[in-house]
Amino acid sequence: MDIQSQDLQSSHKTAEASVNPVSVTTEEDSKIMQQILNEIKELRDDFDAKLKYDDGKQQTIDTLHKELEEHRVGLHYKILRPVFLDLIRLYDDLEKMVEGTMMQTELRAGRTLEDLQLLQSQVEEILQRYGAESFRLDGYFQSSKQKVLKTVETDDITLDNHIARSLRKGFFYENKILR
């Protein structure tokens, strides 16, 4: 029996030895699996947070776009209304001048010139009110600001490329030439 008990003890030790490595491996696997599950949960939470953020971001974009469209609808009117009102006043003044010219007498002829000069100054005031400034250049021709309508021959070489006569004023707005 002594031999048998030794065999049982040795088989028991062998069983313990073979069980322990398996159980250690199972515990390690369990920890690794738990860590993987935790990381997957973190990724899912991050993904859900990103989706919520994107939804909020899209709602903000949609709201801003809608507000911009609502603003844009009335923008042309807001910008052009004052110009239209000034042009309507100018139209009314022209209408009065036309009516006055139809009933023109000699007294009225002198008044028509004054009316035209007044009209010209009113138009220039309108342009200035909206930031346009007038200019007139004399001297050397500048192709970036002027347009040649006609050239005049001259014998004086010092007058070459100089302005003989300026027909109209030029206008610029924010340092850009309008005319």
Foldseek 3Di string as FASTA:
>chain_A
DVVVVVVVVVVVVVVVVVVVVVVVVVVVVVVVVVVVVVVVVVVVVVVVVVVVVVVVVVVVVVVVVVVVVVCVVCVVVVVCVVVVVLVVVLVVLVVVLVVDVVVDDPVVVVVSVVSVVVSVVSVQVSCVVVAKHKADDFFADDPQADDDPDDDDDPDPNCPRTDPDDDDIWIDGPPHTPD
